[in-house]
Every structure is written in C-alpha cells, then in structure tokens.
Amino acid sequence: MTEAAAPVAEDTQTIYTAYEIDFMLGLRSTESSRITREQISLRSAPEAAAEYVSAAVAAGLRARGKVEQAPDGQWLLGREGQIIAGTLTSADRWLGVALAQDGAMRMAFIVAAEESVLLLTQDELDTFQITALASREHVPDAVADISRAFLSQGAGTSVSMRRCDLADPATTVPLMLHAEADGRWQAGHEPVTDEDVLTVSEIQPAQVLGLVTRLWEDGVSAAPAS
C-alpha cells in the first residue's frame, strides 16, 4: 500500500461500508488510523466472525474492482482505495459534524492528510458516502454551506462540530450551532461555564463561515468576532 496519494478530483464520490473502510485501515496500522477509527466511531467485526467478515469484504471489494490480490496473497488497493486508505491512515486533522433535528441525527466526518481531504457522510445503513474535496482550504466553505442550509430548515435544528488534530489528539475542540424557535441562531463555544456547558452567543448566518474557519484552521472555538 502506498503513502498518502495526491487528492482526487473534487466531484469524485463513492460508497463504502464501515467494514470495507475497516478492512482498508487494517492494511496499514498507524497512529492516524487508530485516531480515524475513534473519530468516525468505526467498529470492527466481532472477533468470532472477524475472519469470515474479512474474507467476505475482500471478495466484495475485489468484485467491485477496488482491490486485487497479488500472487503472494497480499491485497493491493486500486488508485481510489489508495487515496482513501492513504488519507485515513496518514491523517493530521479530523472534523466531526452532526446534523440533528427532532431526535434524528446524521453524521459526517472530514479527514485531512496534507492536501488530501475526504468528506465521509454516514447513512442509516452503516455505509459512508465518500467525497474528495479539492483541498483543506475548501473545508470551511463546505461545512458553513451545509450548516447554514440545515439551520435554515427551521427551529430545533442543530449542528455540532468537534475538531481533533494529530499534534494534540487528546484534545477535541467543540462548536455547536442552533436555530431557536423565534428564528434566532446561537453558537455554543468555549470557554465552558461553571455548569460545564458551552458559552452561548447569538450569531447571524453570515458569521457561520468565520466560526467554522477558526475552528478548522486554528482549533479555536469562540464567540464571533465583533
């Protein structure tokens, strides 16, 4: 398996199951791959079924043309798989995004390794739709657009974000956006209050991009700049 490859085109999109991603991560064990598993809440198959699941997943990937098996039995990823697995196993920054409304939640994760950036959107069938972003500079615009569109659906919608960086993997920086019943938008940000909750500030839709940019680029969760 290769090191992190050059990013693919922005409109490239494919679907992988959680077990398929787990299989690709298992081909190369790194500190980044361990953190990626934690950040996207990836669960491996039960130990008793691990061998069967691995064989089934490998066969499925091979049938889809995603992997090949070398004469020595080693699994070789195709170009797309190399880019995905290379990014996930050499990542240096992660951003989790949860969209919540009326008790329903949809998760998405952004994983960056230098200029290779992937957006993994999880659905209810434990699969991930994977989209390549052009570069990490595109992340704030993409996340801000998703956040504004979702909050514009009305009261009770929330966008929760958490950022992790390889330089300090034990620290996760949170940011929350919420649409109130009266139409106001609020941001929950650091510092945490004495009641162990985020500080709340009222925001305007135009300020979302600035909040997301500071979170993604600098790891800062704070009130919007005046």
C-alpha atoms as a PDB file:
ATOM      1  CA  MET A   1       0.000   0.000   0.000  1.00  0.00           C
ATOM      2  CA  THR A   2       1.300   3.457  -0.844  1.00  0.00           C
ATOM      3  CA  GLU A   3       1.701   6.577   1.249  1.00  0.00           C
ATOM      4  CA  ALA A   4      -0.996   9.259   1.004  1.00  0.00           C
ATOM      5  CA  ALA A   5      -1.617   9.876  -2.664  1.00  0.00           C
ATOM      6  CA  ALA A   6      -2.459  13.126  -4.400  1.00  0.00           C
ATOM      7  CA  PRO A   7      -6.089  14.201  -3.881  1.00  0.00           C
ATOM      8  CA  VAL A   8      -8.644  13.082  -6.418  1.00  0.00           C
ATOM      9  CA  ALA A   9     -10.964  15.404  -8.274  1.00  0.00           C
ATOM     10  CA  GLU A  10     -13.480  17.303  -6.167  1.00  0.00           C
ATOM     11  CA  ASP A  11     -16.507  15.648  -7.732  1.00  0.00           C
ATOM     12  CA  THR A  12     -15.245  12.103  -7.144  1.00  0.00           C
ATOM     13  CA  GLN A  13     -17.706  10.223  -4.945  1.00  0.00           C
ATOM     14  CA  THR A  14     -18.125   6.619  -3.965  1.00  0.00           C
ATOM     15  CA  ILE A  15     -19.760   4.483  -1.284  1.00  0.00           C
ATOM     16  CA  TYR A  16     -18.069   2.092   1.125  1.00  0.00           C
ATOM     17  CA  THR A  17     -19.461   0.126   4.064  1.00  0.00           C
ATOM     18  CA  ALA A  18     -17.992   0.505   7.534  1.00  0.00           C
ATOM     19  CA  TYR A  19     -16.486  -2.987   7.247  1.00  0.00           C
ATOM     20  CA  GLU A  20     -14.836  -2.071   3.934  1.00  0.00           C
ATOM     21  CA  ILE A  21     -13.252   1.017   5.483  1.00  0.00           C
ATOM     22  CA  ASP A  22     -12.185  -1.084   8.464  1.00  0.00           C
ATOM     23  CA  PHE A  23     -10.580  -3.570   6.045  1.00  0.00           C
ATOM     24  CA  MET A  24      -8.629  -0.815   4.270  1.00  0.00           C
ATOM     25  CA  LEU A  25      -7.471   0.687   7.560  1.00  0.00           C
ATOM     26  CA  GLY A  26      -6.320  -2.761   8.645  1.00  0.00           C
ATOM     27  CA  LEU A  27      -3.870  -2.968   5.749  1.00  0.00           C
ATOM     28  CA  ARG A  28      -1.704  -0.328   7.383  1.00  0.00           C
ATOM     29  CA  SER A  29      -1.668   0.274  11.126  1.00  0.00           C
ATOM     30  CA  THR A  30      -0.640   3.810  12.147  1.00  0.00           C
ATOM     31  CA  GLU A  31      -1.400   6.264  14.933  1.00  0.00           C
ATOM     32  CA  SER A  32      -3.518   8.216  12.454  1.00  0.00           C
ATOM     33  CA  SER A  33      -5.515   5.127  11.520  1.00  0.00           C
ATOM     34  CA  ARG A  34      -6.216   4.488  15.220  1.00  0.00           C
ATOM     35  CA  ILE A  35      -7.444   8.055  15.678  1.00  0.00           C
ATOM     36  CA  THR A  36      -9.516   7.838  12.496  1.00  0.00           C
ATOM     37  CA  ARG A  37     -11.280   4.758  13.858  1.00  0.00           C
ATOM     38  CA  GLU A  38     -12.113   6.677  17.039  1.00  0.00           C
ATOM     39  CA  GLN A  39     -13.168   9.869  15.293  1.00  0.00           C
ATOM     40  CA  ILE A  40     -15.609   8.176  12.910  1.00  0.00           C
ATOM     41  CA  SER A  41     -16.727   5.640  15.567  1.00  0.00           C
ATOM     42  CA  LEU A  42     -15.737   2.734  13.371  1.00  0.00           C
ATOM     43  CA  ARG A  43     -16.416  -0.696  14.837  1.00  0.00           C
ATOM     44  CA  SER A  44     -14.696  -3.845  13.686  1.00  0.00           C
ATOM     45  CA  ALA A  45     -16.483  -7.144  13.242  1.00  0.00           C
ATOM     46  CA  PRO A  46     -16.882  -9.319  16.372  1.00  0.00           C
ATOM     47  CA  GLU A  47     -13.762 -11.371  16.972  1.00  0.00           C
ATOM     48  CA  ALA A  48     -15.607 -14.639  16.430  1.00  0.00           C
ATOM     49  CA  ALA A  49     -16.696 -13.524  12.961  1.00  0.00           C
ATOM     50  CA  ALA A  50     -13.670 -11.414  12.037  1.00  0.00           C
ATOM     51  CA  GLU A  51     -12.108 -13.928   9.652  1.00  0.00           C
ATOM     52  CA  TYR A  52     -15.386 -14.580   7.835  1.00  0.00           C
ATOM     53  CA  VAL A  53     -16.231 -10.880   7.574  1.00  0.00           C
ATOM     54  CA  SER A  54     -12.730 -10.001   6.325  1.00  0.00           C
ATOM     55  CA  ALA A  55     -12.931 -12.655   3.610  1.00  0.00           C
ATOM     56  CA  ALA A  56     -16.408 -11.512   2.563  1.00  0.00           C
ATOM     57  CA  VAL A  57     -15.367  -7.858   2.492  1.00  0.00           C
ATOM     58  CA  ALA A  58     -12.236  -8.605   0.475  1.00  0.00           C
ATOM     59  CA  ALA A  59     -14.284 -10.619  -2.003  1.00  0.00           C
ATOM     60  CA  GLY A  60     -16.811  -7.811  -2.316  1.00  0.00           C
ATOM     61  CA  LEU A  61     -14.125  -5.189  -2.888  1.00  0.00           C
ATOM     62  CA  ARG A  62     -12.480  -7.425  -5.467  1.00  0.00           C
ATOM     63  CA  ALA A  63     -15.785  -7.910  -7.291  1.00  0.00           C
ATOM     64  CA  ARG A  64     -16.204  -4.131  -7.406  1.00  0.00           C
ATOM     65  CA  GLY A  65     -12.713  -3.716  -8.817  1.00  0.00           C
ATOM     66  CA  LYS A  66     -11.443  -1.908  -5.724  1.00  0.00           C
ATOM     67  CA  VAL A  67      -8.699  -4.390  -4.804  1.00  0.00           C
ATOM     68  CA  GLU A  68      -6.541  -7.051  -6.415  1.00  0.00           C
ATOM     69  CA  GLN A  69      -4.745  -9.969  -4.848  1.00  0.00           C
ATOM     70  CA  ALA A  70      -1.048 -10.418  -5.569  1.00  0.00           C
ATOM     71  CA  PRO A  71       0.432 -13.894  -6.165  1.00  0.00           C
ATOM     72  CA  ASP A  72       1.812 -13.843  -2.613  1.00  0.00           C
ATOM     73  CA  GLY A  73      -1.706 -13.339  -1.240  1.00  0.00           C
ATOM     74  CA  GLN A  74      -1.289  -9.667  -0.358  1.00  0.00           C
ATOM     75  CA  TRP A  75      -4.251  -7.397  -1.074  1.00  0.00           C
ATOM     76  CA  LEU A  76      -3.432  -4.424  -3.310  1.00  0.00           C
ATOM     77  CA  LEU A  77      -5.713  -1.406  -3.402  1.00  0.00           C
ATOM     78  CA  GLY A  78      -6.640   0.313  -6.651  1.00  0.00           C
ATOM     79  CA  ARG A  79      -5.952   4.032  -7.116  1.00  0.00           C
ATOM     80  CA  GLU A  80      -9.197   5.121  -5.460  1.00  0.00           C
ATOM     81  CA  GLY A  81      -8.625   2.816  -2.499  1.00  0.00           C
ATOM     82  CA  GLN A  82      -5.036   4.009  -2.158  1.00  0.00           C
ATOM     83  CA  ILE A  83      -6.178   7.611  -1.914  1.00  0.00           C
ATOM     84  CA  ILE A  84      -8.904   6.826   0.605  1.00  0.00           C
ATOM     85  CA  ALA A  85      -6.825   4.475   2.741  1.00  0.00           C
ATOM     86  CA  GLY A  86      -3.738   6.687   2.413  1.00  0.00           C
ATOM     87  CA  THR A  87      -5.676   9.692   3.677  1.00  0.00           C
ATOM     88  CA  LEU A  88      -7.321   7.829   6.551  1.00  0.00           C
ATOM     89  CA  THR A  89      -4.046   6.260   7.724  1.00  0.00           C
ATOM     90  CA  SER A  90      -1.863   9.363   7.483  1.00  0.00           C
ATOM     91  CA  ALA A  91      -4.410  11.995   8.558  1.00  0.00           C
ATOM     92  CA  ASP A  92      -3.366  15.007  10.613  1.00  0.00           C
ATOM     93  CA  ARG A  93      -6.780  16.637  11.203  1.00  0.00           C
ATOM     94  CA  TRP A  94     -10.325  15.443  11.775  1.00  0.00           C
ATOM     95  CA  LEU A  95     -13.658  17.280  11.970  1.00  0.00           C
ATOM     96  CA  GLY A  96     -16.856  15.542  13.001  1.00  0.00           C
ATOM     97  CA  VAL A  97     -20.178  17.190  12.068  1.00  0.00           C
ATOM     98  CA  ALA A  98     -23.549  16.069  13.458  1.00  0.00           C
ATOM     99  CA  LEU A  99     -26.796  17.411  11.992  1.00  0.00           C
ATOM    100  CA  ALA A 100     -29.684  16.913  14.451  1.00  0.00           C
ATOM    101  CA  GLN A 101     -33.411  17.599  14.155  1.00  0.00           C
ATOM    102  CA  ASP A 102     -36.406  16.128  16.019  1.00  0.00           C
ATOM    103  CA  GLY A 103     -34.350  13.323  17.523  1.00  0.00           C
ATOM    104  CA  ALA A 104     -32.850  12.283  14.175  1.00  0.00           C
ATOM    105  CA  MET A 105     -29.149  12.707  13.553  1.00  0.00           C
ATOM    106  CA  ARG A 106     -26.865  12.377  10.570  1.00  0.00           C
ATOM    107  CA  MET A 107     -23.106  12.307  10.924  1.00  0.00           C
ATOM    108  CA  ALA A 108     -20.357  13.456   8.592  1.00  0.00           C
ATOM    109  CA  PHE A 109     -16.594  13.447   9.034  1.00  0.00           C
ATOM    110  CA  ILE A 110     -13.840  15.394   7.334  1.00  0.00           C
ATOM    111  CA  VAL A 111     -10.413  13.766   7.361  1.00  0.00           C
ATOM    112  CA  ALA A 112      -7.369  15.620   6.043  1.00  0.00           C
ATOM    113  CA  ALA A 113      -3.849  14.429   5.287  1.00  0.00           C
ATOM    114  CA  GLU A 114      -1.880  17.384   3.940  1.00  0.00           C
ATOM    115  CA  GLU A 115      -3.804  18.430   0.796  1.00  0.00           C
ATOM    116  CA  SER A 116      -5.834  15.226   0.509  1.00  0.00           C
ATOM    117  CA  VAL A 117      -9.231  15.830   2.131  1.00  0.00           C
ATOM    118  CA  LEU A 118     -12.167  13.435   2.317  1.00  0.00           C
ATOM    119  CA  LEU A 119     -15.765  14.031   3.398  1.00  0.00           C
ATOM    120  CA  LEU A 120     -17.378  10.876   4.765  1.00  0.00           C
ATOM    121  CA  THR A 121     -21.154  11.122   5.117  1.00  0.00           C
ATOM    122  CA  GLN A 122     -22.726   8.326   7.144  1.00  0.00           C
ATOM    123  CA  ASP A 123     -26.211   6.996   6.442  1.00  0.00           C
ATOM    124  CA  GLU A 124     -28.588   4.756   8.353  1.00  0.00           C
ATOM    125  CA  LEU A 125     -27.287   1.595   6.664  1.00  0.00           C
ATOM    126  CA  ASP A 126     -23.820   1.892   8.211  1.00  0.00           C
ATOM    127  CA  THR A 127     -22.285   2.970   4.938  1.00  0.00           C
ATOM    128  CA  PHE A 128     -20.253   6.039   4.083  1.00  0.00           C
ATOM    129  CA  GLN A 129     -20.568   8.195   1.014  1.00  0.00           C
ATOM    130  CA  ILE A 130     -17.031   9.445   0.414  1.00  0.00           C
ATOM    131  CA  THR A 131     -16.373  12.680  -1.452  1.00  0.00           C
ATOM    132  CA  ALA A 132     -12.961  14.210  -2.174  1.00  0.00           C
ATOM    133  CA  LEU A 133     -12.641  17.943  -1.531  1.00  0.00           C
ATOM    134  CA  ALA A 134     -10.245  19.958  -3.663  1.00  0.00           C
ATOM    135  CA  SER A 135      -8.046  20.974  -0.709  1.00  0.00           C
ATOM    136  CA  ARG A 136      -8.224  21.672   3.010  1.00  0.00           C
ATOM    137  CA  GLU A 137      -8.808  25.362   2.243  1.00  0.00           C
ATOM    138  CA  HIS A 138     -12.227  24.349   0.877  1.00  0.00           C
ATOM    139  CA  VAL A 139     -13.351  22.793   4.166  1.00  0.00           C
ATOM    140  CA  PRO A 140     -14.703  25.929   5.942  1.00  0.00           C
ATOM    141  CA  ASP A 141     -16.843  26.918   2.937  1.00  0.00           C
ATOM    142  CA  ALA A 142     -18.201  23.379   2.545  1.00  0.00           C
ATOM    143  CA  VAL A 143     -19.054  23.000   6.242  1.00  0.00           C
ATOM    144  CA  ALA A 144     -20.501  26.517   6.503  1.00  0.00           C
ATOM    145  CA  ASP A 145     -22.722  25.918   3.458  1.00  0.00           C
ATOM    146  CA  ILE A 146     -24.007  22.642   4.938  1.00  0.00           C
ATOM    147  CA  SER A 147     -24.569  24.275   8.337  1.00  0.00           C
ATOM    148  CA  ARG A 148     -26.456  27.307   7.009  1.00  0.00           C
ATOM    149  CA  ALA A 149     -28.647  25.185   4.739  1.00  0.00           C
ATOM    150  CA  PHE A 150     -29.526  22.834   7.594  1.00  0.00           C
ATOM    151  CA  LEU A 151     -30.210  25.561  10.190  1.00  0.00           C
ATOM    152  CA  SER A 152     -32.375  27.393   7.649  1.00  0.00           C
ATOM    153  CA  GLN A 153     -34.831  24.488   7.805  1.00  0.00           C
ATOM    154  CA  GLY A 154     -36.190  25.971  10.996  1.00  0.00           C
ATOM    155  CA  ALA A 155     -36.385  25.807  14.769  1.00  0.00           C
ATOM    156  CA  GLY A 156     -34.834  22.912  16.621  1.00  0.00           C
ATOM    157  CA  THR A 157     -32.082  22.196  14.124  1.00  0.00           C
ATOM    158  CA  SER A 158     -28.557  21.876  15.487  1.00  0.00           C
ATOM    159  CA  VAL A 159     -25.100  21.428  14.026  1.00  0.00           C
ATOM    160  CA  SER A 160     -22.482  20.062  16.407  1.00  0.00           C
ATOM    161  CA  MET A 161     -18.809  20.013  15.466  1.00  0.00           C
ATOM    162  CA  ARG A 162     -15.693  18.600  17.103  1.00  0.00           C
ATOM    163  CA  ARG A 163     -12.171  19.071  15.801  1.00  0.00           C
ATOM    164  CA  CYS A 164      -9.132  16.934  16.554  1.00  0.00           C
ATOM    165  CA  ASP A 165      -5.541  17.480  15.458  1.00  0.00           C
ATOM    166  CA  LEU A 166      -2.711  14.957  15.335  1.00  0.00           C
ATOM    167  CA  ALA A 167      -0.437  17.355  17.216  1.00  0.00           C
ATOM    168  CA  ASP A 168      -2.740  17.058  20.262  1.00  0.00           C
ATOM    169  CA  PRO A 169      -5.063  14.073  19.737  1.00  0.00           C
ATOM    170  CA  ALA A 170      -6.246  14.067  23.351  1.00  0.00           C
ATOM    171  CA  THR A 171      -7.898  17.467  22.882  1.00  0.00           C
ATOM    172  CA  THR A 172     -11.166  17.777  20.978  1.00  0.00           C
ATOM    173  CA  VAL A 173     -12.442  21.298  20.308  1.00  0.00           C
ATOM    174  CA  PRO A 174     -16.257  21.639  20.215  1.00  0.00           C
ATOM    175  CA  LEU A 175     -18.560  24.102  18.461  1.00  0.00           C
ATOM    176  CA  MET A 176     -22.362  23.987  18.292  1.00  0.00           C
ATOM    177  CA  LEU A 177     -24.836  25.967  16.163  1.00  0.00           C
ATOM    178  CA  HIS A 178     -28.571  26.016  16.902  1.00  0.00           C
ATOM    179  CA  ALA A 179     -31.729  27.572  15.428  1.00  0.00           C
ATOM    180  CA  GLU A 180     -34.142  28.808  18.100  1.00  0.00           C
ATOM    181  CA  ALA A 181     -37.953  28.803  17.928  1.00  0.00           C
ATOM    182  CA  ASP A 182     -38.029  32.581  17.442  1.00  0.00           C
ATOM    183  CA  GLY A 183     -35.699  32.399  14.432  1.00  0.00           C
ATOM    184  CA  ARG A 184     -32.515  33.422  16.217  1.00  0.00           C
ATOM    185  CA  TRP A 185     -29.309  31.456  15.631  1.00  0.00           C
ATOM    186  CA  GLN A 186     -26.981  30.744  18.523  1.00  0.00           C
ATOM    187  CA  ALA A 187     -23.473  29.333  18.842  1.00  0.00           C
ATOM    188  CA  GLY A 188     -22.208  27.222  21.722  1.00  0.00           C
ATOM    189  CA  HIS A 189     -18.469  27.708  22.116  1.00  0.00           C
ATOM    190  CA  GLU A 190     -15.614  27.692  24.572  1.00  0.00           C
ATOM    191  CA  PRO A 191     -14.978  28.582  27.326  1.00  0.00           C
ATOM    192  CA  VAL A 192     -17.047  26.057  29.241  1.00  0.00           C
ATOM    193  CA  THR A 193     -19.121  27.644  32.036  1.00  0.00           C
ATOM    194  CA  ASP A 194     -19.138  26.704  35.710  1.00  0.00           C
ATOM    195  CA  GLU A 195     -22.114  24.453  34.895  1.00  0.00           C
ATOM    196  CA  ASP A 196     -19.859  22.525  32.465  1.00  0.00           C
ATOM    197  CA  VAL A 197     -21.709  23.706  29.358  1.00  0.00           C
ATOM    198  CA  LEU A 198     -20.547  25.767  26.399  1.00  0.00           C
ATOM    199  CA  THR A 199     -20.874  29.541  26.459  1.00  0.00           C
ATOM    200  CA  VAL A 200     -23.745  30.706  24.239  1.00  0.00           C
ATOM    201  CA  SER A 201     -23.630  33.687  21.876  1.00  0.00           C
ATOM    202  CA  GLU A 202     -26.228  34.905  19.396  1.00  0.00           C
ATOM    203  CA  ILE A 203     -24.966  34.862  15.823  1.00  0.00           C
ATOM    204  CA  GLN A 204     -26.040  35.884  12.343  1.00  0.00           C
ATOM    205  CA  PRO A 205     -25.963  33.474   9.373  1.00  0.00           C
ATOM    206  CA  ALA A 206     -23.136  35.498   7.837  1.00  0.00           C
ATOM    207  CA  GLN A 207     -20.950  34.750  10.869  1.00  0.00           C
ATOM    208  CA  VAL A 208     -21.071  30.966  10.475  1.00  0.00           C
ATOM    209  CA  LEU A 209     -18.199  30.885   7.981  1.00  0.00           C
ATOM    210  CA  GLY A 210     -15.905  32.789  10.339  1.00  0.00           C
ATOM    211  CA  LEU A 211     -16.699  30.460  13.237  1.00  0.00           C
ATOM    212  CA  VAL A 212     -16.081  27.347  11.158  1.00  0.00           C
ATOM    213  CA  THR A 213     -12.883  28.785   9.655  1.00  0.00           C
ATOM    214  CA  ARG A 214     -11.369  29.491  13.084  1.00  0.00           C
ATOM    215  CA  LEU A 215     -12.350  26.038  14.311  1.00  0.00           C
ATOM    216  CA  TRP A 216     -10.923  24.207  11.298  1.00  0.00           C
ATOM    217  CA  GLU A 217      -7.791  26.254  10.679  1.00  0.00           C
ATOM    218  CA  ASP A 218      -6.791  27.292  14.199  1.00  0.00           C
ATOM    219  CA  GLY A 219      -8.629  24.930  16.537  1.00  0.00           C
ATOM    220  CA  VAL A 220     -10.399  27.880  18.151  1.00  0.00           C
ATOM    221  CA  SER A 221     -13.969  27.726  19.452  1.00  0.00           C
ATOM    222  CA  ALA A 222     -15.000  31.226  20.476  1.00  0.00           C
ATOM    223  CA  ALA A 223     -17.639  33.934  20.140  1.00  0.00           C
ATOM    224  CA  PRO A 224     -17.828  35.529  16.692  1.00  0.00           C
ATOM    225  CA  ALA A 225     -15.529  38.462  16.118  1.00  0.00           C
ATOM    226  CA  SER A 226     -17.344  41.755  16.544  1.00  0.00           C
END
